[in-house]
């Protein structure tokens, strides 16, 4: 999680959403090649997505609303392989998540809607995109679901179990 310096007064606020030097000092020293922006309704779960080739690192922030953001380590040689981390990102807390290459990423919208912006370290390559099943018991993500099943795309509802997923070496 990255908490930017926010300068605010009665007029509003200012923050640097990206500064290469500042990010490099935090270990996020990558060239970003693509920016993405999504808007989703309450109860939508997007993910868990990753690209098996051309893996993308993602710097994620919410500019409207709130999401529960999740990353899952898919690097087989990592001591945290298969582990997940989750955090609340919102337009109010202005926090950002760094999701390194080699991780699956997803989020669940907890507000009426949410707009999510993220910078990516590699281009979107649909032929290499994979989806990990959002509710795989072997991973055990504790999604803060509010009343019933989340709203999913077809590809997200048929994602792979960790035990059968293509992962990184």
C-alpha atoms as a PDB file:
ATOM      1  CA  UNK A   1       0.000   0.000   0.000  1.00  0.00           C
ATOM      2  CA  UNK A   2       1.196   3.481  -0.857  1.00  0.00           C
ATOM      3  CA  UNK A   3      -0.168   6.520   0.949  1.00  0.00           C
ATOM      4  CA  UNK A   4       0.683   9.685  -1.014  1.00  0.00           C
ATOM      5  CA  UNK A   5       1.265  13.045   0.657  1.00  0.00           C
ATOM      6  CA  UNK A   6      -2.009  14.926   0.419  1.00  0.00           C
ATOM      7  CA  UNK A   7      -2.081  18.686   0.762  1.00  0.00           C
ATOM      8  CA  UNK A   8      -5.538  19.976   1.557  1.00  0.00           C
ATOM      9  CA  UNK A   9      -7.371  23.060   2.726  1.00  0.00           C
ATOM     10  CA  UNK A  10     -10.862  24.499   2.459  1.00  0.00           C
ATOM     11  CA  UNK A  11     -10.485  24.702  -1.351  1.00  0.00           C
ATOM     12  CA  UNK A  12      -9.841  20.990  -1.818  1.00  0.00           C
ATOM     13  CA  UNK A  13      -6.662  18.912  -2.078  1.00  0.00           C
ATOM     14  CA  UNK A  14      -3.572  18.236  -4.170  1.00  0.00           C
ATOM     15  CA  UNK A  15      -1.492  15.070  -4.411  1.00  0.00           C
ATOM     16  CA  UNK A  16       1.095  13.597  -6.751  1.00  0.00           C
ATOM     17  CA  UNK A  17      -0.517  10.442  -8.081  1.00  0.00           C
ATOM     18  CA  UNK A  18       2.777   9.427  -9.664  1.00  0.00           C
ATOM     19  CA  UNK A  19       6.341  10.664  -9.269  1.00  0.00           C
ATOM     20  CA  UNK A  20       9.026   8.353 -10.635  1.00  0.00           C
ATOM     21  CA  UNK A  21      11.670   9.356  -8.050  1.00  0.00           C
ATOM     22  CA  UNK A  22       9.290   8.974  -5.113  1.00  0.00           C
ATOM     23  CA  UNK A  23       8.023   5.617  -6.353  1.00  0.00           C
ATOM     24  CA  UNK A  24      11.569   4.359  -7.004  1.00  0.00           C
ATOM     25  CA  UNK A  25      12.454   5.153  -3.383  1.00  0.00           C
ATOM     26  CA  UNK A  26       9.617   2.769  -2.410  1.00  0.00           C
ATOM     27  CA  UNK A  27      10.903   0.018  -4.722  1.00  0.00           C
ATOM     28  CA  UNK A  28       8.443   0.740  -7.546  1.00  0.00           C
ATOM     29  CA  UNK A  29      10.959   1.526 -10.277  1.00  0.00           C
ATOM     30  CA  UNK A  30       9.245   0.503 -13.503  1.00  0.00           C
ATOM     31  CA  UNK A  31       8.401   2.037 -16.836  1.00  0.00           C
ATOM     32  CA  UNK A  32       4.642   2.350 -17.145  1.00  0.00           C
ATOM     33  CA  UNK A  33       3.348   1.918 -20.702  1.00  0.00           C
ATOM     34  CA  UNK A  34      -0.446   1.966 -20.356  1.00  0.00           C
ATOM     35  CA  UNK A  35      -3.075   3.680 -18.184  1.00  0.00           C
ATOM     36  CA  UNK A  36      -6.492   2.074 -17.654  1.00  0.00           C
ATOM     37  CA  UNK A  37      -9.731   3.473 -16.217  1.00  0.00           C
ATOM     38  CA  UNK A  38     -12.772   1.409 -15.250  1.00  0.00           C
ATOM     39  CA  UNK A  39     -16.130   2.210 -13.706  1.00  0.00           C
ATOM     40  CA  UNK A  40     -18.082  -0.503 -11.926  1.00  0.00           C
ATOM     41  CA  UNK A  41     -21.360  -0.734 -10.022  1.00  0.00           C
ATOM     42  CA  UNK A  42     -21.738  -1.840  -6.404  1.00  0.00           C
ATOM     43  CA  UNK A  43     -21.215  -5.566  -5.966  1.00  0.00           C
ATOM     44  CA  UNK A  44     -19.081  -5.996  -9.093  1.00  0.00           C
ATOM     45  CA  UNK A  45     -16.016  -8.188  -8.663  1.00  0.00           C
ATOM     46  CA  UNK A  46     -13.349  -7.879 -11.356  1.00  0.00           C
ATOM     47  CA  UNK A  47     -10.591 -10.447 -11.347  1.00  0.00           C
ATOM     48  CA  UNK A  48      -8.495 -12.155 -10.474  1.00  0.00           C
ATOM     49  CA  UNK A  49      -6.571 -11.289 -13.654  1.00  0.00           C
ATOM     50  CA  UNK A  50      -2.981 -11.774 -14.762  1.00  0.00           C
ATOM     51  CA  UNK A  51      -0.993 -12.259 -17.942  1.00  0.00           C
ATOM     52  CA  UNK A  52       1.121 -15.416 -18.096  1.00  0.00           C
ATOM     53  CA  UNK A  53       3.391 -13.769 -20.669  1.00  0.00           C
ATOM     54  CA  UNK A  54       3.981 -10.033 -20.633  1.00  0.00           C
ATOM     55  CA  UNK A  55       3.172  -9.899 -16.897  1.00  0.00           C
ATOM     56  CA  UNK A  56       1.892  -6.525 -15.796  1.00  0.00           C
ATOM     57  CA  UNK A  57       2.771  -4.640 -12.660  1.00  0.00           C
ATOM     58  CA  UNK A  58      -0.110  -2.346 -11.710  1.00  0.00           C
ATOM     59  CA  UNK A  59      -0.233   0.850  -9.691  1.00  0.00           C
ATOM     60  CA  UNK A  60      -3.906   1.021  -8.679  1.00  0.00           C
ATOM     61  CA  UNK A  61      -5.923   3.899  -7.241  1.00  0.00           C
ATOM     62  CA  UNK A  62      -9.600   4.756  -6.834  1.00  0.00           C
ATOM     63  CA  UNK A  63     -10.772   8.224  -7.906  1.00  0.00           C
ATOM     64  CA  UNK A  64     -14.468   7.757  -7.094  1.00  0.00           C
ATOM     65  CA  UNK A  65     -16.023   5.369  -4.582  1.00  0.00           C
ATOM     66  CA  UNK A  66     -14.418   2.459  -2.747  1.00  0.00           C
ATOM     67  CA  UNK A  67     -13.123  -1.030  -3.525  1.00  0.00           C
ATOM     68  CA  UNK A  68     -11.574  -3.937  -1.695  1.00  0.00           C
ATOM     69  CA  UNK A  69      -8.418  -4.531  -3.750  1.00  0.00           C
ATOM     70  CA  UNK A  70      -6.659  -7.923  -3.804  1.00  0.00           C
ATOM     71  CA  UNK A  71      -3.365  -9.307  -5.094  1.00  0.00           C
ATOM     72  CA  UNK A  72      -2.404 -13.020  -5.121  1.00  0.00           C
ATOM     73  CA  UNK A  73       1.217 -14.156  -5.465  1.00  0.00           C
ATOM     74  CA  UNK A  74       1.520 -16.552  -8.427  1.00  0.00           C
ATOM     75  CA  UNK A  75       5.330 -16.900  -8.406  1.00  0.00           C
ATOM     76  CA  UNK A  76       5.850 -20.602  -7.654  1.00  0.00           C
ATOM     77  CA  UNK A  77       9.374 -20.016  -6.278  1.00  0.00           C
ATOM     78  CA  UNK A  78       8.139 -17.356  -3.845  1.00  0.00           C
ATOM     79  CA  UNK A  79       7.718 -18.163  -0.141  1.00  0.00           C
ATOM     80  CA  UNK A  80       4.338 -16.405  -0.359  1.00  0.00           C
ATOM     81  CA  UNK A  81       3.089 -18.351  -3.399  1.00  0.00           C
ATOM     82  CA  UNK A  82      -0.713 -18.618  -3.276  1.00  0.00           C
ATOM     83  CA  UNK A  83      -1.022 -16.042  -0.501  1.00  0.00           C
ATOM     84  CA  UNK A  84      -3.203 -12.973  -0.877  1.00  0.00           C
ATOM     85  CA  UNK A  85      -3.248  -9.444   0.458  1.00  0.00           C
ATOM     86  CA  UNK A  86      -6.261  -7.149   0.458  1.00  0.00           C
ATOM     87  CA  UNK A  87      -6.824  -3.498   1.250  1.00  0.00           C
ATOM     88  CA  UNK A  88      -9.486  -0.853   0.982  1.00  0.00           C
ATOM     89  CA  UNK A  89      -8.780   1.788  -1.641  1.00  0.00           C
ATOM     90  CA  UNK A  90     -11.084   4.767  -1.915  1.00  0.00           C
ATOM     91  CA  UNK A  91     -11.350   8.283  -3.220  1.00  0.00           C
ATOM     92  CA  UNK A  92     -11.493   9.325   0.424  1.00  0.00           C
ATOM     93  CA  UNK A  93      -8.342   7.581   1.743  1.00  0.00           C
ATOM     94  CA  UNK A  94      -6.428   8.232  -1.529  1.00  0.00           C
ATOM     95  CA  UNK A  95      -4.244   5.156  -0.964  1.00  0.00           C
ATOM     96  CA  UNK A  96      -2.728   3.262  -3.870  1.00  0.00           C
ATOM     97  CA  UNK A  97      -1.840  -0.407  -4.267  1.00  0.00           C
ATOM     98  CA  UNK A  98       1.304  -1.634  -6.009  1.00  0.00           C
ATOM     99  CA  UNK A  99       0.655  -5.058  -7.573  1.00  0.00           C
ATOM    100  CA  UNK A 100       4.003  -6.381  -8.865  1.00  0.00           C
ATOM    101  CA  UNK A 101       4.396  -8.479 -12.020  1.00  0.00           C
ATOM    102  CA  UNK A 102       3.753 -12.125 -11.132  1.00  0.00           C
ATOM    103  CA  UNK A 103       0.603 -11.442  -9.122  1.00  0.00           C
ATOM    104  CA  UNK A 104      -3.077 -11.848 -10.006  1.00  0.00           C
ATOM    105  CA  UNK A 105      -5.179  -8.757  -9.296  1.00  0.00           C
ATOM    106  CA  UNK A 106      -8.834  -8.090  -8.637  1.00  0.00           C
ATOM    107  CA  UNK A 107     -11.225  -5.855  -6.753  1.00  0.00           C
ATOM    108  CA  UNK A 108     -14.731  -5.815  -5.321  1.00  0.00           C
ATOM    109  CA  UNK A 109     -16.810  -2.607  -5.339  1.00  0.00           C
ATOM    110  CA  UNK A 110     -18.163  -1.775  -1.881  1.00  0.00           C
ATOM    111  CA  UNK A 111     -19.650   1.669  -2.677  1.00  0.00           C
ATOM    112  CA  UNK A 112     -22.548   2.534  -5.009  1.00  0.00           C
ATOM    113  CA  UNK A 113     -19.992   2.644  -7.840  1.00  0.00           C
ATOM    114  CA  UNK A 114     -16.248   3.007  -8.184  1.00  0.00           C
ATOM    115  CA  UNK A 115     -13.862   4.402 -10.743  1.00  0.00           C
ATOM    116  CA  UNK A 116     -10.465   2.736 -10.721  1.00  0.00           C
ATOM    117  CA  UNK A 117      -7.348   4.037 -12.485  1.00  0.00           C
ATOM    118  CA  UNK A 118      -4.242   1.958 -12.875  1.00  0.00           C
ATOM    119  CA  UNK A 119      -0.905   2.264 -14.562  1.00  0.00           C
ATOM    120  CA  UNK A 120       0.517  -0.921 -16.118  1.00  0.00           C
ATOM    121  CA  UNK A 121       4.128  -1.909 -16.790  1.00  0.00           C
ATOM    122  CA  UNK A 122       3.300  -3.888 -19.934  1.00  0.00           C
ATOM    123  CA  UNK A 123       0.644  -3.750 -22.611  1.00  0.00           C
ATOM    124  CA  UNK A 124      -2.617  -5.651 -22.408  1.00  0.00           C
ATOM    125  CA  UNK A 125      -2.247  -8.938 -24.295  1.00  0.00           C
ATOM    126  CA  UNK A 126      -5.584 -10.787 -24.386  1.00  0.00           C
ATOM    127  CA  UNK A 127      -3.959 -13.955 -25.740  1.00  0.00           C
ATOM    128  CA  UNK A 128      -1.907 -14.191 -22.522  1.00  0.00           C
ATOM    129  CA  UNK A 129      -4.613 -13.111 -20.083  1.00  0.00           C
ATOM    130  CA  UNK A 130      -5.700 -15.624 -17.472  1.00  0.00           C
ATOM    131  CA  UNK A 131      -8.252 -15.539 -14.651  1.00  0.00           C
ATOM    132  CA  UNK A 132      -7.867 -17.150 -11.274  1.00  0.00           C
ATOM    133  CA  UNK A 133     -11.141 -18.166  -9.617  1.00  0.00           C
ATOM    134  CA  UNK A 134     -12.119 -15.430  -7.172  1.00  0.00           C
ATOM    135  CA  UNK A 135     -13.458 -17.809  -4.518  1.00  0.00           C
ATOM    136  CA  UNK A 136     -10.886 -20.630  -4.636  1.00  0.00           C
ATOM    137  CA  UNK A 137     -10.922 -22.131  -1.117  1.00  0.00           C
ATOM    138  CA  UNK A 138      -7.198 -22.960  -1.432  1.00  0.00           C
ATOM    139  CA  UNK A 139      -6.469 -19.215  -1.501  1.00  0.00           C
ATOM    140  CA  UNK A 140      -9.205 -18.225   0.954  1.00  0.00           C
ATOM    141  CA  UNK A 141      -9.703 -14.558   0.110  1.00  0.00           C
ATOM    142  CA  UNK A 142     -11.992 -12.900   2.644  1.00  0.00           C
ATOM    143  CA  UNK A 143     -14.022 -10.705   0.281  1.00  0.00           C
ATOM    144  CA  UNK A 144     -16.316  -8.233   2.123  1.00  0.00           C
ATOM    145  CA  UNK A 145     -19.377  -9.323   0.151  1.00  0.00           C
ATOM    146  CA  UNK A 146     -22.531  -7.389   0.909  1.00  0.00           C
ATOM    147  CA  UNK A 147     -25.512  -9.633   0.408  1.00  0.00           C
ATOM    148  CA  UNK A 148     -25.132 -12.552  -1.916  1.00  0.00           C
ATOM    149  CA  UNK A 149     -22.890 -13.387  -4.811  1.00  0.00           C
ATOM    150  CA  UNK A 150     -20.858 -10.689  -6.566  1.00  0.00           C
ATOM    151  CA  UNK A 151     -21.594  -9.558 -10.113  1.00  0.00           C
ATOM    152  CA  UNK A 152     -19.067 -11.315 -12.363  1.00  0.00           C
ATOM    153  CA  UNK A 153     -18.148 -11.417 -16.027  1.00  0.00           C
ATOM    154  CA  UNK A 154     -18.290 -14.824 -17.682  1.00  0.00           C
ATOM    155  CA  UNK A 155     -14.498 -15.157 -17.716  1.00  0.00           C
ATOM    156  CA  UNK A 156     -14.276 -14.274 -14.024  1.00  0.00           C
ATOM    157  CA  UNK A 157     -16.961 -16.789 -13.044  1.00  0.00           C
ATOM    158  CA  UNK A 158     -15.026 -19.572 -14.822  1.00  0.00           C
ATOM    159  CA  UNK A 159     -11.498 -18.732 -13.663  1.00  0.00           C
ATOM    160  CA  UNK A 160      -9.009 -21.476 -12.868  1.00  0.00           C
ATOM    161  CA  UNK A 161      -8.370 -22.948  -9.443  1.00  0.00           C
ATOM    162  CA  UNK A 162      -4.866 -22.225  -8.156  1.00  0.00           C
ATOM    163  CA  UNK A 163      -4.066 -25.945  -8.361  1.00  0.00           C
ATOM    164  CA  UNK A 164      -4.768 -25.943 -12.126  1.00  0.00           C
ATOM    165  CA  UNK A 165      -3.699 -22.381 -13.029  1.00  0.00           C
ATOM    166  CA  UNK A 166      -0.744 -21.442 -15.171  1.00  0.00           C
ATOM    167  CA  UNK A 167       1.679 -19.703 -12.815  1.00  0.00           C
ATOM    168  CA  UNK A 168       5.108 -18.093 -12.951  1.00  0.00           C
ATOM    169  CA  UNK A 169       8.354 -19.997 -12.279  1.00  0.00           C
END
